[in-house]
C-alpha atoms as a PDB file:
ATOM      1  CA  MET A   1      84.152  57.647  41.798  1.00  0.00           C
ATOM      2  CA  LEU A   2      86.646  58.658  44.501  1.00  0.00           C
ATOM      3  CA  ASN A   3      86.539  62.277  43.417  1.00  0.00           C
ATOM      4  CA  ARG A   4      82.740  62.409  43.560  1.00  0.00           C
ATOM      5  CA  TYR A   5      82.758  60.821  47.032  1.00  0.00           C
ATOM      6  CA  THR A   6      85.435  63.278  48.288  1.00  0.00           C
ATOM      7  CA  ILE A   7      83.566  66.276  46.884  1.00  0.00           C
ATOM      8  CA  THR A   8      80.336  65.132  48.554  1.00  0.00           C
ATOM      9  CA  ILE A   9      82.030  64.818  51.952  1.00  0.00           C
ATOM     10  CA  ILE A  10      83.652  68.241  51.594  1.00  0.00           C
ATOM     11  CA  ALA A  11      80.297  69.733  50.569  1.00  0.00           C
ATOM     12  CA  ILE A  12      78.686  68.340  53.722  1.00  0.00           C
ATOM     13  CA  ILE A  13      81.487  69.246  56.163  1.00  0.00           C
ATOM     14  CA  ALA A  14      82.371  72.731  54.840  1.00  0.00           C
ATOM     15  CA  PRO A  15      79.113  74.454  55.925  1.00  0.00           C
ATOM     16  CA  LEU A  16      79.411  72.922  59.385  1.00  0.00           C
ATOM     17  CA  VAL A  17      82.975  74.190  59.796  1.00  0.00           C
ATOM     18  CA  LEU A  18      82.184  77.653  58.410  1.00  0.00           C
ATOM     19  CA  ASN A  19      79.099  77.954  60.605  1.00  0.00           C
ATOM     20  CA  GLY A  20      81.332  77.787  63.685  1.00  0.00           C
ATOM     21  CA  CYS A  21      83.279  80.846  62.475  1.00  0.00           C
ATOM     22  CA  GLU A  22      80.269  83.172  62.228  1.00  0.00           C
ATOM     23  CA  ASN A  23      80.012  84.066  65.907  1.00  0.00           C
ATOM     24  CA  TYR A  24      83.700  84.510  66.624  1.00  0.00           C
ATOM     25  CA  ALA A  25      83.149  87.637  68.755  1.00  0.00           C
ATOM     26  CA  GLU A  26      80.558  85.845  70.867  1.00  0.00           C
ATOM     27  CA  ARG A  27      82.895  82.924  71.388  1.00  0.00           C
ATOM     28  CA  THR A  28      85.920  84.935  72.493  1.00  0.00           C
ATOM     29  CA  HIS A  29      86.957  83.779  75.925  1.00  0.00           C
ATOM     30  CA  GLU A  30      86.954  86.556  78.520  1.00  0.00           C
ATOM     31  CA  SER A  31      90.580  85.814  79.455  1.00  0.00           C
ATOM     32  CA  TRP A  32      91.651  86.829  75.926  1.00  0.00           C
ATOM     33  CA  ILE A  33      90.194  90.289  76.298  1.00  0.00           C
ATOM     34  CA  GLU A  34      92.591  92.883  77.671  1.00  0.00           C
ATOM     35  CA  ALA A  35      91.816  93.623  81.293  1.00  0.00           C
ATOM     36  CA  PRO A  36      90.943  97.206  82.172  1.00  0.00           C
ATOM     37  CA  SER A  37      93.715  99.210  83.740  1.00  0.00           C
ATOM     38  CA  GLY A  38      93.895  99.071  87.511  1.00  0.00           C
ATOM     39  CA  ILE A  39      93.453 101.850  89.985  1.00  0.00           C
ATOM     40  CA  ALA A  40      95.552 104.879  89.175  1.00  0.00           C
ATOM     41  CA  TYR A  41      97.342 106.469  92.107  1.00  0.00           C
ATOM     42  CA  ASP A  42      98.302 110.101  91.871  1.00  0.00           C
ATOM     43  CA  ASP A  43     101.643 111.368  93.100  1.00  0.00           C
ATOM     44  CA  SER A  44     100.194 113.349  96.006  1.00  0.00           C
ATOM     45  CA  THR A  45      98.472 110.244  97.395  1.00  0.00           C
ATOM     46  CA  ILE A  46     101.656 108.202  97.076  1.00  0.00           C
ATOM     47  CA  HIS A  47     103.641 110.993  98.767  1.00  0.00           C
ATOM     48  CA  ALA A  48     101.141 111.265 101.613  1.00  0.00           C
ATOM     49  CA  ARG A  49     101.139 107.518 102.267  1.00  0.00           C
ATOM     50  CA  ILE A  50     104.924 107.264 102.301  1.00  0.00           C
ATOM     51  CA  ALA A  51     105.239 110.347 104.524  1.00  0.00           C
ATOM     52  CA  TYR A  52     102.684 108.918 106.956  1.00  0.00           C
ATOM     53  CA  ALA A  53     104.507 105.566 107.086  1.00  0.00           C
ATOM     54  CA  VAL A  54     107.874 107.249 107.674  1.00  0.00           C
ATOM     55  CA  ASN A  55     106.594 109.715 110.283  1.00  0.00           C
ATOM     56  CA  THR A  56     104.694 107.129 112.321  1.00  0.00           C
ATOM     57  CA  ASP A  57     107.376 104.425 112.332  1.00  0.00           C
ATOM     58  CA  PRO A  58     109.136 104.455 115.728  1.00  0.00           C
ATOM     59  CA  GLU A  59     112.225 102.760 114.246  1.00  0.00           C
ATOM     60  CA  LEU A  60     112.848 105.768 111.989  1.00  0.00           C
ATOM     61  CA  GLN A  61     113.347 108.345 114.731  1.00  0.00           C
ATOM     62  CA  GLY A  62     116.335 110.506 113.908  1.00  0.00           C
ATOM     63  CA  ALA A  63     116.019 110.045 110.166  1.00  0.00           C
ATOM     64  CA  ASN A  64     115.851 113.269 108.133  1.00  0.00           C
ATOM     65  CA  ILE A  65     114.153 112.283 104.891  1.00  0.00           C
ATOM     66  CA  GLU A  66     112.765 114.254 101.957  1.00  0.00           C
ATOM     67  CA  ILE A  67     110.261 112.516  99.689  1.00  0.00           C
ATOM     68  CA  LYS A  68     109.600 113.401  96.062  1.00  0.00           C
ATOM     69  CA  VAL A  69     107.205 111.546  93.754  1.00  0.00           C
ATOM     70  CA  ASP A  70     106.948 111.956  90.002  1.00  0.00           C
ATOM     71  CA  GLN A  71     104.632 109.659  88.029  1.00  0.00           C
ATOM     72  CA  GLY A  72     104.904 106.934  90.662  1.00  0.00           C
ATOM     73  CA  LYS A  73     108.696 107.142  90.843  1.00  0.00           C
ATOM     74  CA  VAL A  74     109.841 107.911  94.373  1.00  0.00           C
ATOM     75  CA  LEU A  75     113.047 109.755  95.253  1.00  0.00           C
ATOM     76  CA  LEU A  76     114.150 109.548  98.883  1.00  0.00           C
ATOM     77  CA  THR A  77     116.961 111.871  99.941  1.00  0.00           C
ATOM     78  CA  GLY A  78     118.451 112.826 103.288  1.00  0.00           C
ATOM     79  CA  THR A  79     120.171 111.023 106.113  1.00  0.00           C
ATOM     80  CA  ALA A  80     119.388 108.066 108.329  1.00  0.00           C
ATOM     81  CA  ALA A  81     120.942 106.965 111.616  1.00  0.00           C
ATOM     82  CA  ASN A  82     122.070 103.567 110.286  1.00  0.00           C
ATOM     83  CA  GLN A  83     121.744 100.989 107.505  1.00  0.00           C
ATOM     84  CA  ASN A  84     118.699  99.395 109.165  1.00  0.00           C
ATOM     85  CA  GLN A  85     116.782 102.670 108.805  1.00  0.00           C
ATOM     86  CA  ILE A  86     117.770 102.928 105.151  1.00  0.00           C
ATOM     87  CA  THR A  87     116.520  99.397 104.511  1.00  0.00           C
ATOM     88  CA  ARG A  88     113.290 100.132 106.378  1.00  0.00           C
ATOM     89  CA  LEU A  89     112.717 103.337 104.382  1.00  0.00           C
ATOM     90  CA  ASN A  90     113.131 101.421 101.142  1.00  0.00           C
ATOM     91  CA  MET A  91     110.693  98.753 102.300  1.00  0.00           C
ATOM     92  CA  LEU A  92     108.077 101.291 103.427  1.00  0.00           C
ATOM     93  CA  ALA A  93     108.264 103.132 100.103  1.00  0.00           C
ATOM     94  CA  TRP A  94     107.783  99.952  98.087  1.00  0.00           C
ATOM     95  CA  MET A  95     104.808  98.907 100.226  1.00  0.00           C
ATOM     96  CA  VAL A  96     102.726 101.887  99.049  1.00  0.00           C
ATOM     97  CA  ASP A  97     100.340 101.121  96.183  1.00  0.00           C
ATOM     98  CA  GLY A  98     101.180 102.933  92.973  1.00  0.00           C
ATOM     99  CA  VAL A  99     104.953 103.077  93.508  1.00  0.00           C
ATOM    100  CA  LYS A 100     106.766 102.123  90.288  1.00  0.00           C
ATOM    101  CA  ASP A 101     110.353 102.803  91.311  1.00  0.00           C
ATOM    102  CA  VAL A 102     112.298 103.888  94.398  1.00  0.00           C
ATOM    103  CA  ASP A 103     115.553 105.847  94.099  1.00  0.00           C
ATOM    104  CA  MET A 104     117.342 105.752  97.455  1.00  0.00           C
ATOM    105  CA  GLN A 105     119.796 108.610  97.874  1.00  0.00           C
ATOM    106  CA  ILE A 106     120.072 108.428 101.636  1.00  0.00           C
ATOM    107  CA  GLY A 107     123.316 108.574 103.549  1.00  0.00           C
ATOM    108  CA  SER A 108     123.901 107.329 107.071  1.00  0.00           C
ATOM    109  CA  GLN A 109     125.063 109.636 109.861  1.00  0.00           C
END
């Protein structure tokens, strides 16, 4: 009698459980779906933004800096008047959208 009762309960519950699995794609939460990639910044745009920031910053007068960008990786070379300018150059480079890495090869005068 117990087996017949158990089988009857399973027969009633199984379709209800399996019915919930049919529309899995429709029930996927939007947070589980991979987000589209963000805005892509090209190297020339990154270079231009860093150059503008460096050239318009009054605290960087006297710095002689060359900027190179390759796939979002920034290389800063040249000389700066002091350590404060070097720190500021690093900060300005990192503030530009699209920068993935900053290699500081700047000496002080």
